[in-house]
Amino acid sequence: MMKKQTPPWVRIVIISAGLLLLGVSSALITMRLVIKGKEVKVPNLVGKDIVYALETLNELGLGLKIADQEFNYFTAENHIISQKPDSGSFIKQRRDVKVVLSKGSLTVWVPSLEGDPLSLAQIKLKQQGLKIGQLAKIHHNLAAGKVVAQYPPANSKRARGDQINLLLSQGDPAPSYIMPDLIGMQLSAATIQAKGLGLEMAQVTAEAYPGVLSETVIHQSPKSGYMVSEGQRVELVISENNGQPQI
């Protein structure tokens, strides 16, 4: 008895169904492998700075997430206090490692600022989380703008955000002289003498003064004997007999 052959169209349907089933199975296996991903060992990030942690995790195909930031006496600012997952554990790539980042200690050492320009002093204080407080100025042999003294002093402990007061140099003081006696001198001679000391003629006024030669100094300010310095302004009153004086 002859065996009945399967029609060609039935074989085609069976083969197509088999291929479809195989394709679906392969897709499911591929999806499971993709979802599962490659697992990598979590490195130890505790005590490391944030830049190092980012670079290390990136090389492993992992991300970094800052879960919190805390003040910590033992861990420097921008360094990692703790992490999750712990180092040595395995996680899938593209996952994040959560870390707690240090904001540094609540108390800091005051840096030495004496002799520094104000701009450098500002940078040093900012690095320590401190601020510039009151500024005062005095003449000093240090170059103008440099720190002569500070309070609180260097190497003392202060809380972050505290202010540090600074005394700045104005440079060497201008030379000082004893104001000469200009009364009785002619205006031209008095002007030469005053300018020779680096003084400035601020104002000259004239008053009628009978019996005194025109343009004779009859009053001066500052008075003779007072201490004056370069650039100080001098006011004179001169006699007037024949019209306005000429300087």
Protein backbone atom coordinates (compact mmCIF):
# COMPACT_ATOMS: atom_id res chain seq x y z
CA MET A 1 0.00 0.00 0.00
CA MET A 2 1.48 3.33 -1.05
CA LYS A 3 2.17 5.94 1.65
CA LYS A 4 0.29 9.14 1.02
CA GLN A 5 2.66 12.07 0.33
CA THR A 6 2.28 15.39 2.16
CA PRO A 7 1.17 18.12 -0.20
CA PRO A 8 3.92 20.65 -1.01
CA TRP A 9 1.98 23.56 0.35
CA VAL A 10 1.71 21.87 3.76
CA ARG A 11 5.48 21.37 3.89
CA ILE A 12 5.96 25.06 3.06
CA VAL A 13 3.65 26.10 5.92
CA ILE A 14 5.45 23.78 8.36
CA ILE A 15 8.90 25.08 7.34
CA SER A 16 7.72 28.72 7.55
CA ALA A 17 6.24 28.13 10.98
CA GLY A 18 9.48 26.54 12.13
CA LEU A 19 11.56 29.42 10.86
CA LEU A 20 9.21 31.91 12.54
CA LEU A 21 9.45 30.02 15.82
CA LEU A 22 13.23 29.93 15.54
CA GLY A 23 13.33 33.67 14.84
CA VAL A 24 11.13 34.47 17.84
CA SER A 25 13.27 32.24 20.08
CA SER A 26 16.46 33.90 18.86
CA ALA A 27 14.98 37.35 19.48
CA LEU A 28 13.93 36.39 23.01
CA ILE A 29 17.39 35.01 23.77
CA THR A 30 19.02 38.15 22.37
CA MET A 31 16.71 40.39 24.43
CA ARG A 32 17.52 38.42 27.56
CA LEU A 33 21.25 38.79 26.91
CA VAL A 34 20.88 42.52 26.27
CA ILE A 35 18.76 43.00 29.37
CA LYS A 36 21.15 40.95 31.45
CA GLY A 37 24.18 42.88 30.12
CA LYS A 38 27.78 42.39 31.08
CA GLU A 39 28.55 42.43 34.78
CA VAL A 40 31.62 44.27 36.05
CA LYS A 41 33.34 44.47 39.40
CA VAL A 42 32.72 47.68 41.34
CA PRO A 43 36.01 49.46 42.21
CA ASN A 44 36.81 50.99 45.59
CA LEU A 45 36.03 54.74 45.37
CA VAL A 46 36.10 55.64 49.08
CA GLY A 47 38.66 58.37 49.73
CA LYS A 48 39.10 59.06 46.02
CA ASP A 49 38.37 62.44 44.46
CA ILE A 50 35.30 62.87 42.27
CA VAL A 51 37.26 63.25 39.01
CA TYR A 52 39.13 59.97 39.56
CA ALA A 53 35.85 58.21 40.37
CA LEU A 54 34.15 59.49 37.21
CA GLU A 55 37.05 58.42 34.98
CA THR A 56 37.34 54.98 36.61
CA LEU A 57 33.61 54.20 36.36
CA ASN A 58 33.41 55.48 32.80
CA GLU A 59 36.15 53.03 31.73
CA LEU A 60 34.05 50.19 33.20
CA GLY A 61 30.85 51.32 31.50
CA LEU A 62 29.30 52.48 34.77
CA GLY A 63 27.80 55.80 35.80
CA LEU A 64 28.20 57.87 38.97
CA LYS A 65 25.42 59.49 40.96
CA ILE A 66 26.00 61.82 43.94
CA ALA A 67 23.44 60.68 46.48
CA ASP A 68 24.36 63.23 49.15
CA GLN A 69 27.01 65.71 50.32
CA GLU A 70 28.18 65.97 53.92
CA PHE A 71 30.77 67.78 56.02
CA ASN A 72 33.41 65.30 57.12
CA TYR A 73 36.47 65.99 59.27
CA PHE A 74 38.44 63.00 57.93
CA THR A 75 37.66 63.24 54.21
CA ALA A 76 38.89 66.11 52.06
CA GLU A 77 36.45 68.26 50.11
CA ASN A 78 35.18 66.69 46.85
CA HIS A 79 36.38 63.24 47.93
CA ILE A 80 34.10 60.25 48.41
CA ILE A 81 32.96 59.24 51.92
CA SER A 82 30.97 56.10 51.02
CA GLN A 83 29.55 54.23 48.03
CA LYS A 84 26.78 51.81 47.05
CA PRO A 85 27.18 49.11 45.82
CA ASP A 86 30.26 48.32 47.89
CA SER A 87 33.58 47.73 46.21
CA GLY A 88 34.10 44.15 45.06
CA SER A 89 30.45 43.53 44.21
CA PHE A 90 29.29 42.93 40.63
CA ILE A 91 26.72 45.02 38.77
CA LYS A 92 25.58 45.32 35.19
CA GLN A 93 27.10 47.90 32.92
CA ARG A 94 25.18 51.16 32.45
CA ARG A 95 24.17 51.07 36.10
CA ASP A 96 25.09 53.88 38.53
CA VAL A 97 27.30 53.73 41.58
CA LYS A 98 25.87 56.05 44.22
CA VAL A 99 28.32 57.99 46.37
CA VAL A 100 28.28 60.40 49.31
CA LEU A 101 30.61 63.33 48.61
CA SER A 102 32.53 65.25 51.28
CA LYS A 103 32.14 69.00 51.67
CA GLY A 104 35.26 69.02 53.81
CA SER A 105 35.60 69.73 57.50
CA LEU A 106 33.35 72.19 59.31
CA THR A 107 36.49 73.72 60.81
CA VAL A 108 39.47 74.79 58.73
CA TRP A 109 42.96 76.14 59.28
CA VAL A 110 43.43 79.84 58.59
CA PRO A 111 46.14 80.24 55.92
CA SER A 112 49.09 82.61 56.25
CA LEU A 113 48.37 85.74 54.23
CA GLU A 114 51.02 88.20 55.40
CA GLY A 115 53.08 89.52 52.50
CA ASP A 116 50.56 88.29 49.91
CA PRO A 117 48.84 90.59 47.44
CA LEU A 118 45.13 91.01 48.19
CA SER A 119 44.16 88.97 45.10
CA LEU A 120 46.19 85.96 46.29
CA ALA A 121 44.83 86.31 49.82
CA GLN A 122 41.29 86.13 48.41
CA ILE A 123 42.11 82.90 46.53
CA LYS A 124 43.66 81.27 49.62
CA LEU A 125 40.67 82.15 51.79
CA LYS A 126 38.18 80.91 49.20
CA GLN A 127 39.99 77.58 48.97
CA GLN A 128 39.53 77.16 52.72
CA GLY A 129 35.90 78.24 52.66
CA LEU A 130 36.69 81.52 54.43
CA LYS A 131 35.81 85.10 53.51
CA ILE A 132 37.51 88.49 53.64
CA GLY A 133 36.20 90.63 56.47
CA GLN A 134 37.15 94.22 57.24
CA LEU A 135 39.97 95.92 55.34
CA ALA A 136 42.16 98.66 56.80
CA LYS A 137 45.18 100.41 55.29
CA ILE A 138 48.39 101.89 56.66
CA HIS A 139 51.64 103.16 55.22
CA HIS A 140 54.23 100.39 55.33
CA ASN A 141 57.46 99.37 53.64
CA LEU A 142 55.61 96.50 51.93
CA ALA A 143 54.41 97.24 48.39
CA ALA A 144 50.99 98.84 48.18
CA GLY A 145 48.14 96.31 48.24
CA LYS A 146 50.02 93.60 50.17
CA VAL A 147 48.82 92.15 53.47
CA VAL A 148 50.64 93.57 56.50
CA ALA A 149 48.69 91.67 59.17
CA GLN A 150 45.62 89.46 59.58
CA TYR A 151 43.16 88.47 62.26
CA PRO A 152 42.50 85.71 63.15
CA PRO A 153 46.18 84.76 62.80
CA ALA A 154 47.57 82.06 60.53
CA ASN A 155 47.25 78.42 61.67
CA SER A 156 44.31 79.12 63.94
CA LYS A 157 41.09 77.14 63.48
CA ARG A 158 37.90 78.74 62.25
CA ALA A 159 34.51 77.57 61.02
CA ARG A 160 33.85 77.61 57.30
CA GLY A 161 32.30 80.91 56.24
CA ASP A 162 34.11 82.92 58.93
CA GLN A 163 35.62 86.28 57.99
CA ILE A 164 39.31 87.16 58.16
CA ASN A 165 40.18 90.84 58.71
CA LEU A 166 43.17 92.22 56.82
CA LEU A 167 45.51 95.18 57.21
CA LEU A 168 46.86 96.29 53.83
CA SER A 169 49.91 98.35 52.95
CA GLN A 170 49.60 101.70 51.22
CA GLY A 171 53.32 101.64 50.46
CA ASP A 172 55.93 103.94 51.92
CA PRO A 173 54.52 107.17 53.32
CA ALA A 174 55.17 110.35 51.38
CA PRO A 175 58.12 112.38 52.73
CA SER A 176 57.08 114.94 55.34
CA TYR A 177 58.56 118.39 56.01
CA ILE A 178 58.15 121.32 58.38
CA MET A 179 56.05 123.98 56.71
CA PRO A 180 58.30 127.00 56.05
CA ASP A 181 57.35 130.57 56.97
CA LEU A 182 56.20 132.24 53.75
CA ILE A 183 54.79 135.41 55.30
CA GLY A 184 56.57 138.53 54.10
CA MET A 185 57.86 136.81 50.97
CA GLN A 186 56.87 137.83 47.47
CA LEU A 187 54.36 135.46 45.87
CA SER A 188 56.81 134.27 43.22
CA ALA A 189 59.46 133.36 45.80
CA ALA A 190 56.89 131.71 48.11
CA THR A 191 55.58 129.64 45.19
CA ILE A 192 59.05 128.40 44.28
CA GLN A 193 59.79 127.40 47.87
CA ALA A 194 56.45 125.60 48.33
CA LYS A 195 56.73 123.68 45.07
CA GLY A 196 60.31 122.74 45.94
CA LEU A 197 58.85 120.75 48.86
CA GLY A 198 56.36 119.04 46.58
CA LEU A 199 53.44 121.14 47.84
CA GLU A 200 50.62 122.28 45.61
CA MET A 201 49.40 125.89 45.42
CA ALA A 202 45.68 125.46 45.92
CA GLN A 203 44.37 128.99 46.17
CA VAL A 204 45.79 132.52 46.22
CA THR A 205 43.55 135.39 47.20
CA ALA A 206 44.37 139.11 47.45
CA GLU A 207 43.39 141.61 50.12
CA ALA A 208 44.03 145.33 50.36
CA TYR A 209 46.85 145.87 52.82
CA PRO A 210 48.12 149.46 52.86
CA GLY A 211 51.81 149.99 53.36
CA VAL A 212 52.80 146.53 52.18
CA LEU A 213 54.31 145.86 48.78
CA SER A 214 51.87 144.32 46.32
CA GLU A 215 51.86 140.48 46.10
CA THR A 216 53.48 140.05 49.50
CA VAL A 217 52.30 136.99 51.45
CA ILE A 218 50.32 138.14 54.50
CA HIS A 219 48.71 134.80 55.49
CA GLN A 220 49.36 131.12 54.82
CA SER A 221 47.71 127.76 55.49
CA PRO A 222 49.10 125.43 56.80
CA LYS A 223 50.94 127.71 59.20
CA SER A 224 54.70 127.63 59.49
CA GLY A 225 56.07 124.90 61.77
CA TYR A 226 53.30 122.40 60.91
CA MET A 227 54.24 119.03 59.37
CA VAL A 228 53.30 118.76 55.70
CA SER A 229 53.80 116.03 53.10
CA GLU A 230 54.25 115.91 49.37
CA GLY A 231 51.12 116.77 47.43
CA GLN A 232 49.55 118.74 50.28
CA ARG A 233 47.70 121.87 49.21
CA VAL A 234 48.74 125.33 50.36
CA GLU A 235 46.54 128.41 50.49
CA LEU A 236 47.99 131.95 50.50
CA VAL A 237 46.64 135.43 51.02
CA ILE A 238 48.70 138.24 49.48
CA SER A 239 48.56 142.04 49.67
CA GLU A 240 46.92 144.00 46.91
CA ASN A 241 47.70 147.62 46.11
CA ASN A 242 47.66 147.79 42.35
CA GLY A 243 45.01 145.41 41.02
CA GLN A 244 44.86 141.63 40.96
CA PRO A 245 48.06 139.68 41.67
CA GLN A 246 49.81 137.59 39.07
CA ILE A 247 51.19 134.16 39.83
